[in-house]
Amino acid sequence: MRHVIAIALVLVGWSHALAQSSEDPTPPPSTGVVDDATTTEQGATTTENTAEEDARLDERAGPTALALARALDARLTVWRNGARRVYVGHCRRARVACRARVVALARVLARVGVRHGVDPFLLAAMALRESGLNPFAEGAAGERGIVQLHPRGVGSRVRFVRNESYRERCARTADACQEEVVDAGARLIAASMARCGGTREALGAYNSGACQATSYGDRVLEERANLVALAKQGISAADARLVD
C-alpha cells in the first residue's frame, strides 16, 4: 500500500500539470435567453446529478487511472536519465505538456472502461496499436482519434472525427477531447465481445469486421501485457496483484 500511495503522490503532481495546461474547447454560442424559472431549476438539478455521477465514475476509475498513467508514462518514454526523460515525438510536439496529456488520457481510458465494462488496459493497448496514443493521428481512410474511428463508421457520429475546427480547439486541451472518441470505440469493442464471444475474436471484429482471431488481436493483447508489466514496476508483489 505504501507504494500505491507513493504512486498517487507522484500522480498528484501530474494532475496539477493537467489542471494548469487544460483549456476547454470553446463552447457553441448561446441560442437564446432562458427566462423560465422552472426550466432553470430543472437544468440546475440535471447539472448537479451529472456532476454527482461524474464524481462517482471518477472514484471508481481512480485506482486504475493511476496505474494506467504510470504504465503509459513509461511506454511513451524513449529515453530516460534519472529525472530527465524524453517522450515520443508526437507528445513532444503537443501544445500541452506530455505528462499532463498522459494523465488526462489515462483518466479518459479508465473512466470509459468502467462505464462500459471494458478493461481500461485493453482500451489503452488498442489506442497504442491504433495511433501510438496520438490523438491527432490520421489513418489512410481518414480514421481519427487515439482508437482511430472510421469517418464512415461509428466515427460519423463523433464530433472530433467530423469537425476540423473542433479538433483545432481540442489540441489545446490535455485530453484532446478524446472521451467521446474512446467512448465510441469502447461501445464498439463491447458489442463485438458480446457478438463474438471472446476478446481475441472481438479484436478481430474491431479491426476487420469479422469475428476471428487475427495478428492484430495478438498484438493488442501483447501490448496489454506490456502495459500491465510497466504498471507493476517498482511496487510490491502484493500491490502488483491489484493491477491485474
Protein backbone atom coordinates (compact mmCIF):
# COMPACT_ATOMS: atom_id res chain seq x y z
CA MET A 1 0.00 0.00 0.00
CA ARG A 2 2.95 2.36 0.65
CA HIS A 3 3.88 2.01 -3.00
CA VAL A 4 0.35 2.75 -4.17
CA ILE A 5 0.33 5.89 -2.02
CA ALA A 6 3.71 6.87 -3.45
CA ILE A 7 2.36 6.47 -6.97
CA ALA A 8 -0.65 8.56 -6.03
CA LEU A 9 1.58 11.34 -4.68
CA VAL A 10 3.61 11.38 -7.90
CA LEU A 11 0.46 11.50 -9.98
CA VAL A 12 -0.94 14.36 -7.93
CA GLY A 13 1.86 16.40 -9.48
CA TRP A 14 0.81 15.18 -12.89
CA SER A 15 -2.77 16.19 -12.11
CA HIS A 16 -1.58 19.70 -11.21
CA ALA A 17 0.16 19.87 -14.57
CA LEU A 18 -3.09 18.72 -16.16
CA ALA A 19 -5.09 21.45 -14.45
CA GLN A 20 -2.60 24.14 -15.46
CA SER A 21 -2.43 23.11 -19.10
CA SER A 22 -6.09 22.24 -19.69
CA GLU A 23 -8.33 24.56 -21.62
CA ASP A 24 -11.84 23.56 -22.53
CA PRO A 25 -12.80 23.78 -26.20
CA THR A 26 -14.77 26.93 -26.97
CA PRO A 27 -18.44 26.14 -26.36
CA PRO A 28 -21.04 26.91 -29.03
CA PRO A 29 -22.69 30.32 -28.75
CA SER A 30 -25.94 30.59 -26.83
CA THR A 31 -29.06 30.33 -28.96
CA GLY A 32 -31.28 32.33 -26.64
CA VAL A 33 -32.01 33.54 -23.13
CA VAL A 34 -33.72 31.18 -20.70
CA ASP A 35 -36.32 33.18 -18.81
CA ASP A 36 -38.40 30.39 -17.31
CA ALA A 37 -37.58 29.77 -13.63
CA THR A 38 -38.82 26.19 -13.69
CA THR A 39 -36.67 25.33 -16.68
CA THR A 40 -33.68 26.91 -14.95
CA GLU A 41 -34.25 24.86 -11.80
CA GLN A 42 -34.62 21.65 -13.83
CA GLY A 43 -31.39 22.47 -15.68
CA ALA A 44 -29.56 23.07 -12.41
CA THR A 45 -30.81 19.77 -10.99
CA THR A 46 -29.70 17.92 -14.12
CA THR A 47 -26.26 19.53 -13.88
CA GLU A 48 -25.94 18.55 -10.22
CA ASN A 49 -26.97 14.96 -10.97
CA THR A 50 -24.49 14.78 -13.83
CA ALA A 51 -21.73 16.15 -11.60
CA GLU A 52 -22.51 13.56 -8.93
CA GLU A 53 -22.49 10.74 -11.47
CA ASP A 54 -19.23 12.07 -12.87
CA ALA A 55 -17.67 12.14 -9.41
CA ARG A 56 -18.78 8.56 -8.70
CA LEU A 57 -17.32 7.44 -12.02
CA ASP A 58 -14.00 9.13 -11.21
CA GLU A 59 -13.96 7.46 -7.80
CA ARG A 60 -14.48 4.01 -9.32
CA ALA A 61 -11.96 4.60 -12.09
CA GLY A 62 -9.34 6.38 -9.97
CA PRO A 63 -7.08 3.47 -8.93
CA THR A 64 -6.99 2.10 -12.47
CA ALA A 65 -6.28 5.56 -13.89
CA LEU A 66 -3.26 5.90 -11.58
CA ALA A 67 -1.85 2.52 -12.59
CA LEU A 68 -2.52 3.19 -16.26
CA ALA A 69 -0.90 6.63 -16.14
CA ARG A 70 2.21 5.06 -14.65
CA ALA A 71 2.33 2.47 -17.44
CA LEU A 72 1.62 4.92 -20.28
CA ASP A 73 4.21 7.39 -18.98
CA ALA A 74 6.83 4.63 -19.18
CA ARG A 75 5.54 3.38 -22.53
CA LEU A 76 5.79 6.80 -24.20
CA THR A 77 9.28 7.49 -22.80
CA VAL A 78 12.01 6.89 -25.38
CA TRP A 79 14.97 7.99 -23.22
CA ARG A 80 15.49 8.49 -19.51
CA ASN A 81 18.41 9.51 -17.33
CA GLY A 82 17.44 9.95 -13.70
CA ALA A 83 14.72 12.59 -13.52
CA ARG A 84 15.28 13.62 -17.14
CA ARG A 85 13.25 11.93 -19.83
CA VAL A 86 12.36 12.32 -23.48
CA TYR A 87 8.94 11.36 -24.79
CA VAL A 88 7.89 10.19 -28.24
CA GLY A 89 7.80 12.84 -30.95
CA HIS A 90 4.05 13.49 -31.16
CA CYS A 91 3.96 14.06 -27.40
CA ARG A 92 6.89 16.48 -27.52
CA ARG A 93 5.18 18.44 -30.29
CA ALA A 94 1.85 18.69 -28.46
CA ARG A 95 0.57 22.08 -27.34
CA VAL A 96 0.29 20.80 -23.76
CA ALA A 97 2.84 19.10 -21.53
CA CYS A 98 3.28 15.44 -22.40
CA ARG A 99 2.87 14.23 -18.83
CA ALA A 100 -0.35 16.21 -18.49
CA ARG A 101 -1.66 14.54 -21.64
CA VAL A 102 -0.67 11.08 -20.37
CA VAL A 103 -2.53 11.64 -17.10
CA ALA A 104 -5.59 13.02 -18.89
CA LEU A 105 -5.75 10.16 -21.40
CA ALA A 106 -5.26 7.56 -18.64
CA ARG A 107 -8.24 9.10 -16.84
CA VAL A 108 -10.33 9.00 -20.03
CA LEU A 109 -9.47 5.37 -20.72
CA ALA A 110 -10.20 4.32 -17.14
CA ARG A 111 -13.50 6.23 -16.98
CA VAL A 112 -14.75 4.88 -20.29
CA GLY A 113 -13.64 1.35 -19.43
CA VAL A 114 -15.55 1.42 -16.15
CA ARG A 115 -18.59 2.96 -17.85
CA HIS A 116 -18.86 0.20 -20.45
CA GLY A 117 -17.38 -2.73 -18.57
CA VAL A 118 -14.32 -2.93 -20.83
CA ASP A 119 -10.82 -3.45 -19.42
CA PRO A 120 -9.12 0.00 -19.50
CA PHE A 121 -5.74 -1.65 -20.09
CA LEU A 122 -7.21 -3.32 -23.18
CA LEU A 123 -8.53 0.04 -24.42
CA ALA A 124 -5.11 1.59 -23.81
CA ALA A 125 -3.42 -1.25 -25.71
CA MET A 126 -5.81 -0.71 -28.61
CA ALA A 127 -5.04 3.02 -28.58
CA LEU A 128 -1.30 2.35 -28.66
CA ARG A 129 -1.62 -0.09 -31.55
CA GLU A 130 -4.03 2.14 -33.47
CA SER A 131 -2.38 5.55 -33.06
CA GLY A 132 0.59 5.34 -30.70
CA LEU A 133 -1.71 7.24 -28.30
CA ASN A 134 -1.57 10.24 -30.63
CA PRO A 135 -5.00 11.96 -30.61
CA PHE A 136 -4.23 13.64 -33.93
CA ALA A 137 -3.07 10.60 -35.88
CA GLU A 138 -4.94 10.23 -39.18
CA GLY A 139 -5.40 6.88 -40.91
CA ALA A 140 -5.30 6.25 -44.65
CA ALA A 141 -9.10 6.26 -44.80
CA GLY A 142 -9.48 9.33 -42.58
CA GLU A 143 -9.65 7.47 -39.26
CA ARG A 144 -9.26 9.82 -36.30
CA GLY A 145 -8.55 9.81 -32.58
CA ILE A 146 -6.49 7.51 -30.38
CA VAL A 147 -8.64 4.50 -31.30
CA GLN A 148 -8.86 5.54 -34.98
CA LEU A 149 -12.59 5.77 -35.62
CA HIS A 150 -13.61 5.44 -39.26
CA PRO A 151 -15.40 8.55 -40.59
CA ARG A 152 -17.96 6.37 -42.39
CA GLY A 153 -18.44 4.04 -39.43
CA VAL A 154 -19.03 4.88 -35.77
CA GLY A 155 -16.83 7.94 -36.27
CA SER A 156 -19.55 9.54 -38.38
CA ARG A 157 -21.39 10.38 -35.15
CA VAL A 158 -18.34 11.71 -33.27
CA ARG A 159 -17.65 15.42 -33.43
CA PHE A 160 -13.87 15.02 -33.11
CA VAL A 161 -13.82 12.85 -36.23
CA ARG A 162 -16.12 15.08 -38.28
CA ASN A 163 -15.09 18.64 -37.41
CA GLU A 164 -11.63 20.02 -38.17
CA SER A 165 -12.08 23.34 -36.37
CA TYR A 166 -13.23 21.44 -33.28
CA ARG A 167 -10.07 19.31 -33.43
CA GLU A 168 -8.02 22.51 -33.56
CA ARG A 169 -9.59 23.68 -30.31
CA CYS A 170 -9.15 20.24 -28.78
CA ALA A 171 -5.40 20.40 -29.44
CA ARG A 172 -5.16 22.98 -26.65
CA THR A 173 -6.69 20.66 -24.03
CA ALA A 174 -4.87 17.99 -22.08
CA ASP A 175 -7.26 15.17 -23.02
CA ALA A 176 -7.65 16.42 -26.61
CA CYS A 177 -11.43 15.76 -26.39
CA GLN A 178 -10.79 12.03 -26.55
CA GLU A 179 -13.52 10.85 -24.17
CA GLU A 180 -16.14 10.91 -26.94
CA VAL A 181 -13.71 9.05 -29.22
CA VAL A 182 -12.83 6.35 -26.70
CA ASP A 183 -16.47 6.04 -25.67
CA ALA A 184 -17.48 5.19 -29.25
CA GLY A 185 -14.59 2.74 -29.56
CA ALA A 186 -15.47 1.09 -26.24
CA ARG A 187 -19.09 0.68 -27.30
CA LEU A 188 -17.92 -1.00 -30.49
CA ILE A 189 -15.49 -3.42 -28.80
CA ALA A 190 -18.07 -4.22 -26.09
CA ALA A 191 -20.64 -5.05 -28.77
CA SER A 192 -18.04 -7.13 -30.61
CA MET A 193 -17.27 -9.08 -27.43
CA ALA A 194 -20.95 -9.83 -26.93
CA ARG A 195 -21.30 -10.88 -30.57
CA CYS A 196 -18.03 -12.79 -30.99
CA GLY A 197 -17.80 -14.44 -27.57
CA GLY A 198 -14.09 -13.84 -26.96
CA THR A 199 -11.63 -10.98 -26.64
CA ARG A 200 -9.29 -12.11 -29.42
CA GLU A 201 -12.18 -12.61 -31.83
CA ALA A 202 -13.73 -9.29 -30.80
CA LEU A 203 -10.46 -7.50 -31.54
CA GLY A 204 -10.51 -9.13 -34.97
CA ALA A 205 -14.01 -7.76 -35.49
CA TYR A 206 -12.95 -4.28 -34.36
CA ASN A 207 -10.15 -4.30 -36.90
CA SER A 208 -11.71 -6.18 -39.83
CA GLY A 209 -15.43 -6.50 -39.14
CA ALA A 210 -15.33 -10.30 -38.81
CA CYS A 211 -15.28 -12.34 -35.58
CA GLN A 212 -11.93 -14.01 -35.97
CA ALA A 213 -8.55 -14.30 -34.27
CA THR A 214 -6.04 -12.13 -36.12
CA SER A 215 -2.48 -10.90 -35.77
CA TYR A 216 -3.98 -7.51 -34.83
CA GLY A 217 -5.67 -9.06 -31.81
CA ASP A 218 -2.45 -10.82 -30.82
CA ARG A 219 -0.51 -7.55 -30.99
CA VAL A 220 -3.11 -5.74 -28.89
CA LEU A 221 -3.04 -8.46 -26.22
CA GLU A 222 0.76 -8.37 -26.19
CA GLU A 223 0.62 -4.61 -25.75
CA ARG A 224 -1.83 -5.01 -22.87
CA ALA A 225 0.51 -7.48 -21.14
CA ASN A 226 3.36 -4.99 -21.58
CA LEU A 227 1.32 -2.17 -20.03
CA VAL A 228 0.38 -4.33 -17.05
CA ALA A 229 4.05 -5.19 -16.54
CA LEU A 230 5.00 -1.49 -16.68
CA ALA A 231 2.29 -0.61 -14.17
CA LYS A 232 3.71 -3.18 -11.76
CA GLN A 233 7.30 -1.97 -11.92
CA GLY A 234 8.63 -0.69 -8.62
CA ILE A 235 5.70 -1.83 -6.45
CA SER A 236 5.37 -4.81 -4.14
CA ALA A 237 4.10 -8.18 -5.30
CA ALA A 238 1.01 -7.78 -3.12
CA ASP A 239 0.17 -4.40 -4.64
CA ALA A 240 1.03 -5.65 -8.14
CA ARG A 241 -1.80 -8.16 -7.93
CA LEU A 242 -4.21 -5.20 -7.79
CA VAL A 243 -3.12 -4.17 -11.28
CA ASP A 244 -4.17 -7.44 -12.93
